[in-house]
Amino acid sequence: MSKFKFKFESVKNVKEAFEKKAQKELAQIDLFISKHEDIKQKLIDEINELRKSAYKRKMNISELQFLGGYDSVLRQQVDMQTEVIKQLEKKRAKKIEEVIVKSKEKKMLNQLEETHKENFIKEENSIEMKYFDEIAVQNFNRVKK
């Protein structure tokens, strides 16, 4: 019995590599989102600490103006982080779609391989049965003589 060789094996390998690459890129995007959310949370915490410290002690006008400006800068940074996170979420959604498409392509090739393998096994079994039938006929003819 000969060995099964899928004729689209190289295509299947390439599709698997593309799927793995897309999954890796998705993981990187998730990591970036997580990092930016951490940065945003730290900025929010810093704003809250700034407000708490401003209420705890007496300050002159210049210190209050400085803290107000610093608070404004921190809020802008929070807004920038929010915008970056939104962009990364859009990128993530596109990458998820790409991973789904690549996964479907790989799955189709796996199904095609299974179909080809089943057909190959059926053909091999048919050839084997013909061979055994021929041997049986020859043995029968020898016994008859």
C-alpha atoms as a PDB file:
ATOM      1  CA  MET A   1       0.000   0.000   0.000  1.00  0.00           C
ATOM      2  CA  SER A   2       1.443   3.346  -1.032  1.00  0.00           C
ATOM      3  CA  LYS A   3       1.617   6.366   1.232  1.00  0.00           C
ATOM      4  CA  PHE A   4      -0.912   9.202   1.025  1.00  0.00           C
ATOM      5  CA  LYS A   5       0.534  12.519  -0.148  1.00  0.00           C
ATOM      6  CA  PHE A   6      -1.722  15.577  -0.113  1.00  0.00           C
ATOM      7  CA  LYS A   7      -1.012  17.554  -3.272  1.00  0.00           C
ATOM      8  CA  PHE A   8      -1.858  20.881  -1.604  1.00  0.00           C
ATOM      9  CA  GLU A   9       0.361  20.289   1.442  1.00  0.00           C
ATOM     10  CA  SER A  10       2.572  23.289   0.646  1.00  0.00           C
ATOM     11  CA  VAL A  11      -0.481  25.537   0.267  1.00  0.00           C
ATOM     12  CA  LYS A  12      -1.814  24.208   3.576  1.00  0.00           C
ATOM     13  CA  ASN A  13       1.515  24.944   5.286  1.00  0.00           C
ATOM     14  CA  VAL A  14       1.535  28.495   3.919  1.00  0.00           C
ATOM     15  CA  LYS A  15      -2.048  29.071   5.095  1.00  0.00           C
ATOM     16  CA  GLU A  16      -1.137  27.768   8.560  1.00  0.00           C
ATOM     17  CA  ALA A  17       1.868  30.103   8.662  1.00  0.00           C
ATOM     18  CA  PHE A  18      -0.329  33.068   7.674  1.00  0.00           C
ATOM     19  CA  GLU A  19      -2.852  32.154  10.359  1.00  0.00           C
ATOM     20  CA  LYS A  20      -0.140  31.910  13.022  1.00  0.00           C
ATOM     21  CA  LYS A  21       1.294  35.259  11.912  1.00  0.00           C
ATOM     22  CA  ALA A  22      -2.128  36.914  12.113  1.00  0.00           C
ATOM     23  CA  GLN A  23      -2.707  35.410  15.566  1.00  0.00           C
ATOM     24  CA  LYS A  24       0.675  36.698  16.709  1.00  0.00           C
ATOM     25  CA  GLU A  25      -0.133  40.182  15.406  1.00  0.00           C
ATOM     26  CA  LEU A  26      -3.483  40.038  17.216  1.00  0.00           C
ATOM     27  CA  ALA A  27      -1.693  39.124  20.438  1.00  0.00           C
ATOM     28  CA  GLN A  28       0.661  42.083  19.962  1.00  0.00           C
ATOM     29  CA  ILE A  29      -2.278  44.428  19.443  1.00  0.00           C
ATOM     30  CA  ASP A  30      -3.896  43.073  22.610  1.00  0.00           C
ATOM     31  CA  LEU A  31      -0.640  43.709  24.463  1.00  0.00           C
ATOM     32  CA  PHE A  32      -0.479  47.297  23.159  1.00  0.00           C
ATOM     33  CA  ILE A  33      -4.088  47.875  24.216  1.00  0.00           C
ATOM     34  CA  SER A  34      -3.307  46.552  27.670  1.00  0.00           C
ATOM     35  CA  LYS A  35      -0.224  48.773  27.987  1.00  0.00           C
ATOM     36  CA  HIS A  36      -2.114  51.885  26.905  1.00  0.00           C
ATOM     37  CA  GLU A  37      -4.980  51.107  29.271  1.00  0.00           C
ATOM     38  CA  ASP A  38      -2.443  50.791  32.094  1.00  0.00           C
ATOM     39  CA  ILE A  39      -0.897  54.133  31.139  1.00  0.00           C
ATOM     40  CA  LYS A  40      -4.351  55.721  31.026  1.00  0.00           C
ATOM     41  CA  GLN A  41      -5.225  54.307  34.440  1.00  0.00           C
ATOM     42  CA  LYS A  42      -1.961  55.608  35.911  1.00  0.00           C
ATOM     43  CA  LEU A  43      -2.715  59.068  34.530  1.00  0.00           C
ATOM     44  CA  ILE A  44      -6.215  58.977  36.025  1.00  0.00           C
ATOM     45  CA  ASP A  45      -4.768  57.867  39.359  1.00  0.00           C
ATOM     46  CA  GLU A  46      -2.252  60.707  39.200  1.00  0.00           C
ATOM     47  CA  ILE A  47      -5.053  63.214  38.529  1.00  0.00           C
ATOM     48  CA  ASN A  48      -6.965  61.892  41.531  1.00  0.00           C
ATOM     49  CA  GLU A  49      -3.873  62.065  43.751  1.00  0.00           C
ATOM     50  CA  LEU A  50      -3.222  65.604  42.551  1.00  0.00           C
ATOM     51  CA  ARG A  51      -6.720  66.673  43.549  1.00  0.00           C
ATOM     52  CA  LYS A  52      -6.457  64.979  46.942  1.00  0.00           C
ATOM     53  CA  SER A  53      -3.117  66.617  47.682  1.00  0.00           C
ATOM     54  CA  ALA A  54      -4.441  70.021  46.585  1.00  0.00           C
ATOM     55  CA  TYR A  55      -7.253  69.824  49.123  1.00  0.00           C
ATOM     56  CA  LYS A  56      -5.020  68.661  51.981  1.00  0.00           C
ATOM     57  CA  ARG A  57      -2.678  71.632  52.122  1.00  0.00           C
ATOM     58  CA  LYS A  58      -2.883  75.360  51.655  1.00  0.00           C
ATOM     59  CA  MET A  59      -1.411  76.760  48.464  1.00  0.00           C
ATOM     60  CA  ASN A  60      -0.833  80.152  47.011  1.00  0.00           C
ATOM     61  CA  ILE A  61      -2.291  81.213  43.664  1.00  0.00           C
ATOM     62  CA  SER A  62       0.779  80.388  41.578  1.00  0.00           C
ATOM     63  CA  GLU A  63       0.854  76.829  42.941  1.00  0.00           C
ATOM     64  CA  LEU A  64      -2.855  76.414  42.191  1.00  0.00           C
ATOM     65  CA  GLN A  65      -2.335  77.727  38.660  1.00  0.00           C
ATOM     66  CA  PHE A  66       0.572  75.341  38.175  1.00  0.00           C
ATOM     67  CA  LEU A  67      -1.486  72.406  39.475  1.00  0.00           C
ATOM     68  CA  GLY A  68      -4.399  73.466  37.257  1.00  0.00           C
ATOM     69  CA  GLY A  69      -2.115  73.491  34.221  1.00  0.00           C
ATOM     70  CA  TYR A  70      -0.617  70.152  35.199  1.00  0.00           C
ATOM     71  CA  ASP A  71      -4.127  68.740  35.657  1.00  0.00           C
ATOM     72  CA  SER A  72      -5.028  70.014  32.186  1.00  0.00           C
ATOM     73  CA  VAL A  73      -1.944  68.382  30.665  1.00  0.00           C
ATOM     74  CA  LEU A  74      -2.739  65.083  32.395  1.00  0.00           C
ATOM     75  CA  ARG A  75      -6.312  65.205  31.080  1.00  0.00           C
ATOM     76  CA  GLN A  76      -5.015  65.790  27.546  1.00  0.00           C
ATOM     77  CA  GLN A  77      -2.748  62.785  27.938  1.00  0.00           C
ATOM     78  CA  VAL A  78      -5.714  60.708  29.139  1.00  0.00           C
ATOM     79  CA  ASP A  79      -7.661  61.831  26.057  1.00  0.00           C
ATOM     80  CA  MET A  80      -4.710  60.930  23.822  1.00  0.00           C
ATOM     81  CA  GLN A  81      -4.461  57.486  25.422  1.00  0.00           C
ATOM     82  CA  THR A  82      -8.206  57.012  24.937  1.00  0.00           C
ATOM     83  CA  GLU A  83      -7.835  57.884  21.256  1.00  0.00           C
ATOM     84  CA  VAL A  84      -4.893  55.506  20.855  1.00  0.00           C
ATOM     85  CA  ILE A  85      -6.915  52.741  22.517  1.00  0.00           C
ATOM     86  CA  LYS A  86      -9.848  53.397  20.148  1.00  0.00           C
ATOM     87  CA  GLN A  87      -7.536  53.142  17.135  1.00  0.00           C
ATOM     88  CA  LEU A  88      -6.003  49.945  18.489  1.00  0.00           C
ATOM     89  CA  GLU A  89      -9.488  48.504  19.087  1.00  0.00           C
ATOM     90  CA  LYS A  90     -10.364  49.199  15.436  1.00  0.00           C
ATOM     91  CA  LYS A  91      -7.114  47.578  14.367  1.00  0.00           C
ATOM     92  CA  ARG A  92      -7.897  44.640  16.655  1.00  0.00           C
ATOM     93  CA  ALA A  93     -11.357  44.185  15.100  1.00  0.00           C
ATOM     94  CA  LYS A  94      -9.820  44.094  11.608  1.00  0.00           C
ATOM     95  CA  LYS A  95      -7.175  41.632  12.759  1.00  0.00           C
ATOM     96  CA  ILE A  96      -9.834  39.387  14.317  1.00  0.00           C
ATOM     97  CA  GLU A  97     -11.645  39.321  10.969  1.00  0.00           C
ATOM     98  CA  GLU A  98      -8.367  38.457   9.263  1.00  0.00           C
ATOM     99  CA  VAL A  99      -7.707  35.630  11.731  1.00  0.00           C
ATOM    100  CA  ILE A 100     -11.223  34.283  11.141  1.00  0.00           C
ATOM    101  CA  VAL A 101     -10.727  34.327   7.368  1.00  0.00           C
ATOM    102  CA  LYS A 102      -7.339  32.622   7.647  1.00  0.00           C
ATOM    103  CA  SER A 103      -8.787  30.043  10.020  1.00  0.00           C
ATOM    104  CA  LYS A 104     -11.613  29.288   7.574  1.00  0.00           C
ATOM    105  CA  GLU A 105      -9.121  28.893   4.722  1.00  0.00           C
ATOM    106  CA  LYS A 106      -7.058  26.463   6.791  1.00  0.00           C
ATOM    107  CA  LYS A 107     -10.171  24.555   7.812  1.00  0.00           C
ATOM    108  CA  MET A 108     -11.269  24.232   4.170  1.00  0.00           C
ATOM    109  CA  LEU A 109      -7.870  22.845   3.239  1.00  0.00           C
ATOM    110  CA  ASN A 110      -8.029  20.384   6.143  1.00  0.00           C
ATOM    111  CA  GLN A 111     -11.456  19.221   4.969  1.00  0.00           C
ATOM    112  CA  LEU A 112     -10.143  18.893   1.425  1.00  0.00           C
ATOM    113  CA  GLU A 113      -7.210  16.866   2.713  1.00  0.00           C
ATOM    114  CA  GLU A 114      -9.567  14.572   4.643  1.00  0.00           C
ATOM    115  CA  THR A 115     -11.709  14.081   1.540  1.00  0.00           C
ATOM    116  CA  HIS A 116      -8.659  13.296  -0.589  1.00  0.00           C
ATOM    117  CA  LYS A 117      -7.356  10.919   2.072  1.00  0.00           C
ATOM    118  CA  GLU A 118     -10.694   9.081   2.264  1.00  0.00           C
ATOM    119  CA  ASN A 119     -10.788   8.768  -1.532  1.00  0.00           C
ATOM    120  CA  PHE A 120      -7.192   7.548  -1.522  1.00  0.00           C
ATOM    121  CA  ILE A 121      -7.971   4.893   1.101  1.00  0.00           C
ATOM    122  CA  LYS A 122     -11.050   3.759  -0.845  1.00  0.00           C
ATOM    123  CA  GLU A 123      -8.992   3.496  -4.028  1.00  0.00           C
ATOM    124  CA  GLU A 124      -6.226   1.595  -2.232  1.00  0.00           C
ATOM    125  CA  ASN A 125      -8.780  -0.793  -0.723  1.00  0.00           C
ATOM    126  CA  SER A 126     -10.327  -1.331  -4.145  1.00  0.00           C
ATOM    127  CA  ILE A 127      -6.921  -2.110  -5.682  1.00  0.00           C
ATOM    128  CA  GLU A 128      -6.128  -4.439  -2.792  1.00  0.00           C
ATOM    129  CA  MET A 129      -9.456  -6.262  -3.191  1.00  0.00           C
ATOM    130  CA  LYS A 130      -8.834  -6.708  -6.926  1.00  0.00           C
ATOM    131  CA  TYR A 131      -5.399  -8.110  -6.134  1.00  0.00           C
ATOM    132  CA  PHE A 132      -6.822 -10.575  -3.581  1.00  0.00           C
ATOM    133  CA  ASP A 133      -9.598 -11.548  -5.990  1.00  0.00           C
ATOM    134  CA  GLU A 134      -6.998 -12.257  -8.682  1.00  0.00           C
ATOM    135  CA  ILE A 135      -4.980 -14.404  -6.257  1.00  0.00           C
ATOM    136  CA  ALA A 136      -8.141 -16.291  -5.283  1.00  0.00           C
ATOM    137  CA  VAL A 137      -9.025 -16.919  -8.934  1.00  0.00           C
ATOM    138  CA  GLN A 138      -5.509 -18.176  -9.660  1.00  0.00           C
ATOM    139  CA  ASN A 139      -5.598 -20.494  -6.637  1.00  0.00           C
ATOM    140  CA  PHE A 140      -9.016 -21.763  -7.680  1.00  0.00           C
ATOM    141  CA  ASN A 141      -7.755 -22.455 -11.209  1.00  0.00           C
ATOM    142  CA  ARG A 142      -4.733 -24.346  -9.841  1.00  0.00           C
ATOM    143  CA  VAL A 143      -6.923 -26.486  -7.599  1.00  0.00           C
ATOM    144  CA  LYS A 144      -9.251 -27.224 -10.516  1.00  0.00           C
ATOM    145  CA  LYS A 145      -6.434 -28.538 -12.715  1.00  0.00           C
END
